Amino acid sequence: MGTDAAELRDLYQEVILDHGRHPRNRRAMEGASVSAHGDNPMCGDRVTVFLRLDEEQTVADISFDGRGCAISMASASLMTELLKGKTRDEAEALSHDLRALCTGAEPPHDAPADAMERLAVLSGVKDFPSRVKCATLAWHTMDAALAGQTDTVTTE
């Protein structure tokens, strides 16, 4: 592994640890338009995602609450930062692109480069299949909230 690749890997680990230790927007939201619960029973990650949508179906506010590994919490934290101000359609498209990034597939949408650059920190999970569910749990849960699912989303 070259120096640049090692430095990039170290930076990605630093970002994941920072978001894992100090998650952004981690709080239960009063007055959420939609919310959903997600559970990964294999590792114990649990998350609730709260969204407040405005009249134009734009994410006016988003937060999460829960517990889990550093990857799970970092992914949820990054998600809340990236989705504020996005339309419902943009949020759903970015969710599909994140899942593709985490599995090594070609992203199905032309996501904004800045968003994909920020999410690239999670791309390393593709080499550890059991960690893909950690990185995608919050995103699956957000999708469920937007779809009006009331059952707990389980990633097994």
C-alpha atoms as a PDB file:
ATOM      1  CA  MET A   1       0.000   0.000   0.000  1.00  0.00           C
ATOM      2  CA  GLY A   2       1.465   3.352  -1.034  1.00  0.00           C
ATOM      3  CA  THR A   3       1.891   6.276   1.300  1.00  0.00           C
ATOM      4  CA  ASP A   4      -1.094   8.119  -0.200  1.00  0.00           C
ATOM      5  CA  ALA A   5      -3.365   5.092   0.258  1.00  0.00           C
ATOM      6  CA  ALA A   6      -2.171   4.587   3.844  1.00  0.00           C
ATOM      7  CA  GLU A   7      -2.718   8.273   4.634  1.00  0.00           C
ATOM      8  CA  LEU A   8      -6.198   8.139   3.121  1.00  0.00           C
ATOM      9  CA  ARG A   9      -7.060   5.006   5.126  1.00  0.00           C
ATOM     10  CA  ASP A  10      -5.822   6.712   8.306  1.00  0.00           C
ATOM     11  CA  LEU A  11      -7.898   9.806   7.524  1.00  0.00           C
ATOM     12  CA  TYR A  12     -10.999   7.671   6.936  1.00  0.00           C
ATOM     13  CA  GLN A  13     -10.461   5.885  10.257  1.00  0.00           C
ATOM     14  CA  GLU A  14     -10.041   9.234  11.991  1.00  0.00           C
ATOM     15  CA  VAL A  15     -13.311  10.561  10.535  1.00  0.00           C
ATOM     16  CA  ILE A  16     -15.205   7.395  11.513  1.00  0.00           C
ATOM     17  CA  LEU A  17     -13.824   7.513  15.050  1.00  0.00           C
ATOM     18  CA  ASP A  18     -14.657  11.217  15.388  1.00  0.00           C
ATOM     19  CA  HIS A  19     -18.265  10.738  14.242  1.00  0.00           C
ATOM     20  CA  GLY A  20     -18.538   7.541  16.297  1.00  0.00           C
ATOM     21  CA  ARG A  21     -17.343   9.249  19.484  1.00  0.00           C
ATOM     22  CA  HIS A  22     -19.045  12.596  18.856  1.00  0.00           C
ATOM     23  CA  PRO A  23     -22.087  11.897  16.677  1.00  0.00           C
ATOM     24  CA  ARG A  24     -23.793  14.897  15.171  1.00  0.00           C
ATOM     25  CA  ASN A  25     -27.563  15.334  15.491  1.00  0.00           C
ATOM     26  CA  ARG A  26     -27.906  12.501  18.005  1.00  0.00           C
ATOM     27  CA  ARG A  27     -31.160  13.263  19.772  1.00  0.00           C
ATOM     28  CA  ALA A  28     -34.770  12.233  19.800  1.00  0.00           C
ATOM     29  CA  MET A  29     -36.770  14.774  17.835  1.00  0.00           C
ATOM     30  CA  GLU A  30     -40.055  16.153  19.070  1.00  0.00           C
ATOM     31  CA  GLY A  31     -42.526  16.849  16.282  1.00  0.00           C
ATOM     32  CA  ALA A  32     -40.926  14.639  13.648  1.00  0.00           C
ATOM     33  CA  SER A  33     -42.983  14.150  10.492  1.00  0.00           C
ATOM     34  CA  VAL A  34     -41.802  10.546  10.214  1.00  0.00           C
ATOM     35  CA  SER A  35     -39.590   8.173  12.153  1.00  0.00           C
ATOM     36  CA  ALA A  36     -38.559   4.538  12.081  1.00  0.00           C
ATOM     37  CA  HIS A  37     -36.615   2.064  14.190  1.00  0.00           C
ATOM     38  CA  GLY A  38     -33.786  -0.094  12.891  1.00  0.00           C
ATOM     39  CA  ASP A  39     -32.136  -3.094  14.494  1.00  0.00           C
ATOM     40  CA  ASN A  40     -29.148  -5.235  13.586  1.00  0.00           C
ATOM     41  CA  PRO A  41     -29.519  -8.219  15.951  1.00  0.00           C
ATOM     42  CA  MET A  42     -26.247  -9.764  14.757  1.00  0.00           C
ATOM     43  CA  CYS A  43     -24.169  -7.047  16.422  1.00  0.00           C
ATOM     44  CA  GLY A  44     -26.641  -5.166  18.606  1.00  0.00           C
ATOM     45  CA  ASP A  45     -26.772  -1.892  16.643  1.00  0.00           C
ATOM     46  CA  ARG A  46     -30.081  -0.078  17.152  1.00  0.00           C
ATOM     47  CA  VAL A  47     -31.138   3.234  15.723  1.00  0.00           C
ATOM     48  CA  THR A  48     -34.210   5.413  15.491  1.00  0.00           C
ATOM     49  CA  VAL A  49     -34.234   7.991  12.714  1.00  0.00           C
ATOM     50  CA  PHE A  50     -36.405  11.101  12.944  1.00  0.00           C
ATOM     51  CA  LEU A  51     -37.191  13.397  10.012  1.00  0.00           C
ATOM     52  CA  ARG A  52     -39.128  16.633   9.809  1.00  0.00           C
ATOM     53  CA  LEU A  53     -40.186  17.351   6.244  1.00  0.00           C
ATOM     54  CA  ASP A  54     -41.439  20.734   5.093  1.00  0.00           C
ATOM     55  CA  GLU A  55     -44.321  21.390   2.698  1.00  0.00           C
ATOM     56  CA  GLU A  56     -42.072  20.774  -0.323  1.00  0.00           C
ATOM     57  CA  GLN A  57     -40.981  17.373   1.074  1.00  0.00           C
ATOM     58  CA  THR A  58     -37.517  18.719   1.863  1.00  0.00           C
ATOM     59  CA  VAL A  59     -35.684  17.431   4.942  1.00  0.00           C
ATOM     60  CA  ALA A  60     -35.955  20.430   7.265  1.00  0.00           C
ATOM     61  CA  ASP A  61     -34.420  18.501  10.165  1.00  0.00           C
ATOM     62  CA  ILE A  62     -33.090  15.018  10.765  1.00  0.00           C
ATOM     63  CA  SER A  63     -31.720  13.296  13.823  1.00  0.00           C
ATOM     64  CA  PHE A  64     -31.109   9.849  15.201  1.00  0.00           C
ATOM     65  CA  ASP A  65     -30.880   8.125  18.525  1.00  0.00           C
ATOM     66  CA  GLY A  66     -29.535   4.734  19.365  1.00  0.00           C
ATOM     67  CA  ARG A  67     -26.459   2.750  20.138  1.00  0.00           C
ATOM     68  CA  GLY A  68     -24.003   0.753  18.153  1.00  0.00           C
ATOM     69  CA  CYS A  69     -20.456   0.357  16.942  1.00  0.00           C
ATOM     70  CA  ALA A  70     -18.353   3.263  15.692  1.00  0.00           C
ATOM     71  CA  ILE A  71     -19.220   2.512  12.056  1.00  0.00           C
ATOM     72  CA  SER A  72     -22.950   2.444  12.739  1.00  0.00           C
ATOM     73  CA  MET A  73     -22.908   5.682  14.737  1.00  0.00           C
ATOM     74  CA  ALA A  74     -20.568   7.413  12.265  1.00  0.00           C
ATOM     75  CA  SER A  75     -22.792   6.459   9.343  1.00  0.00           C
ATOM     76  CA  ALA A  76     -25.905   7.773  11.108  1.00  0.00           C
ATOM     77  CA  SER A  77     -24.081  10.976  12.036  1.00  0.00           C
ATOM     78  CA  LEU A  78     -22.845  11.558   8.482  1.00  0.00           C
ATOM     79  CA  MET A  79     -26.315  10.798   7.144  1.00  0.00           C
ATOM     80  CA  THR A  80     -27.908  13.504   9.279  1.00  0.00           C
ATOM     81  CA  GLU A  81     -25.360  16.059   8.125  1.00  0.00           C
ATOM     82  CA  LEU A  82     -25.734  15.191   4.454  1.00  0.00           C
ATOM     83  CA  LEU A  83     -29.524  14.944   4.227  1.00  0.00           C
ATOM     84  CA  LYS A  84     -30.529  18.267   5.803  1.00  0.00           C
ATOM     85  CA  GLY A  85     -31.944  20.420   3.032  1.00  0.00           C
ATOM     86  CA  LYS A  86     -32.266  17.535   0.576  1.00  0.00           C
ATOM     87  CA  THR A  87     -35.567  16.639  -1.035  1.00  0.00           C
ATOM     88  CA  ARG A  88     -37.151  13.290  -0.302  1.00  0.00           C
ATOM     89  CA  ASP A  89     -36.046  12.046  -3.739  1.00  0.00           C
ATOM     90  CA  GLU A  90     -32.466  13.252  -3.201  1.00  0.00           C
ATOM     91  CA  ALA A  91     -32.345  11.557   0.216  1.00  0.00           C
ATOM     92  CA  GLU A  92     -33.579   8.267  -1.218  1.00  0.00           C
ATOM     93  CA  ALA A  93     -31.113   8.446  -4.133  1.00  0.00           C
ATOM     94  CA  LEU A  94     -28.197   9.176  -1.806  1.00  0.00           C
ATOM     95  CA  SER A  95     -29.230   6.218   0.340  1.00  0.00           C
ATOM     96  CA  HIS A  96     -29.075   3.901  -2.691  1.00  0.00           C
ATOM     97  CA  ASP A  97     -25.684   5.338  -3.646  1.00  0.00           C
ATOM     98  CA  LEU A  98     -24.333   4.808  -0.111  1.00  0.00           C
ATOM     99  CA  ARG A  99     -25.436   1.177  -0.141  1.00  0.00           C
ATOM    100  CA  ALA A 100     -23.711   0.688  -3.508  1.00  0.00           C
ATOM    101  CA  LEU A 101     -20.547   2.321  -2.153  1.00  0.00           C
ATOM    102  CA  CYS A 102     -20.555  -0.029   0.845  1.00  0.00           C
ATOM    103  CA  THR A 103     -20.942  -3.146  -1.290  1.00  0.00           C
ATOM    104  CA  GLY A 104     -18.551  -2.175  -4.069  1.00  0.00           C
ATOM    105  CA  ALA A 105     -21.334  -1.829  -6.644  1.00  0.00           C
ATOM    106  CA  GLU A 106     -21.629   1.019  -9.099  1.00  0.00           C
ATOM    107  CA  PRO A 107     -23.792   3.794  -7.563  1.00  0.00           C
ATOM    108  CA  PRO A 108     -27.134   3.867  -9.427  1.00  0.00           C
ATOM    109  CA  HIS A 109     -27.447   7.672  -9.304  1.00  0.00           C
ATOM    110  CA  ASP A 110     -25.256  10.600 -10.105  1.00  0.00           C
ATOM    111  CA  ALA A 111     -24.894  11.758  -6.499  1.00  0.00           C
ATOM    112  CA  PRO A 112     -23.238  15.081  -5.776  1.00  0.00           C
ATOM    113  CA  ALA A 113     -19.463  14.604  -5.693  1.00  0.00           C
ATOM    114  CA  ASP A 114     -19.115  16.368  -2.344  1.00  0.00           C
ATOM    115  CA  ALA A 115     -21.610  13.992  -0.700  1.00  0.00           C
ATOM    116  CA  MET A 116     -19.916  10.915  -2.140  1.00  0.00           C
ATOM    117  CA  GLU A 117     -16.508  12.220  -1.036  1.00  0.00           C
ATOM    118  CA  ARG A 118     -17.805  12.551   2.521  1.00  0.00           C
ATOM    119  CA  LEU A 119     -19.349   9.077   2.395  1.00  0.00           C
ATOM    120  CA  ALA A 120     -16.167   7.530   0.991  1.00  0.00           C
ATOM    121  CA  VAL A 121     -14.996   7.050   4.594  1.00  0.00           C
ATOM    122  CA  LEU A 122     -17.479   4.164   4.775  1.00  0.00           C
ATOM    123  CA  SER A 123     -16.322   2.480   1.555  1.00  0.00           C
ATOM    124  CA  GLY A 124     -13.856   0.234   3.375  1.00  0.00           C
ATOM    125  CA  VAL A 125     -16.688  -1.874   4.790  1.00  0.00           C
ATOM    126  CA  LYS A 126     -17.048  -3.553   1.399  1.00  0.00           C
ATOM    127  CA  ASP A 127     -13.997  -5.613   2.386  1.00  0.00           C
ATOM    128  CA  PHE A 128     -15.765  -6.764   5.571  1.00  0.00           C
ATOM    129  CA  PRO A 129     -19.251  -8.021   4.594  1.00  0.00           C
ATOM    130  CA  SER A 130     -20.443  -8.299   8.206  1.00  0.00           C
ATOM    131  CA  ARG A 131     -19.774  -4.549   8.656  1.00  0.00           C
ATOM    132  CA  VAL A 132     -21.854  -3.488   5.640  1.00  0.00           C
ATOM    133  CA  LYS A 133     -24.990  -3.819   7.767  1.00  0.00           C
ATOM    134  CA  CYS A 134     -23.438  -1.563  10.409  1.00  0.00           C
ATOM    135  CA  ALA A 135     -22.793   1.149   7.814  1.00  0.00           C
ATOM    136  CA  THR A 136     -26.199   0.889   6.137  1.00  0.00           C
ATOM    137  CA  LEU A 137     -28.558   0.425   9.107  1.00  0.00           C
ATOM    138  CA  ALA A 138     -29.354   4.124   9.600  1.00  0.00           C
ATOM    139  CA  TRP A 139     -29.872   4.574   5.859  1.00  0.00           C
ATOM    140  CA  HIS A 140     -32.269   1.613   5.610  1.00  0.00           C
ATOM    141  CA  THR A 141     -34.087   3.034   8.622  1.00  0.00           C
ATOM    142  CA  MET A 142     -34.327   6.481   7.028  1.00  0.00           C
ATOM    143  CA  ASP A 143     -35.748   4.876   3.869  1.00  0.00           C
ATOM    144  CA  ALA A 144     -38.317   3.044   6.001  1.00  0.00           C
ATOM    145  CA  ALA A 145     -39.314   6.287   7.712  1.00  0.00           C
ATOM    146  CA  LEU A 146     -39.848   8.002   4.368  1.00  0.00           C
ATOM    147  CA  ALA A 147     -41.867   4.999   3.150  1.00  0.00           C
ATOM    148  CA  GLY A 148     -44.092   5.142   6.243  1.00  0.00           C
ATOM    149  CA  GLN A 149     -42.994   1.735   7.569  1.00  0.00           C
ATOM    150  CA  THR A 150     -44.020   1.252  11.173  1.00  0.00           C
ATOM    151  CA  ASP A 151     -42.351  -2.111  11.808  1.00  0.00           C
ATOM    152  CA  THR A 152     -38.765  -2.221  12.986  1.00  0.00           C
ATOM    153  CA  VAL A 153     -36.306  -2.504  10.112  1.00  0.00           C
ATOM    154  CA  THR A 154     -34.092  -5.511  10.711  1.00  0.00           C
ATOM    155  CA  THR A 155     -30.843  -5.989   8.837  1.00  0.00           C
ATOM    156  CA  GLU A 156     -29.917  -9.654   9.090  1.00  0.00           C
END
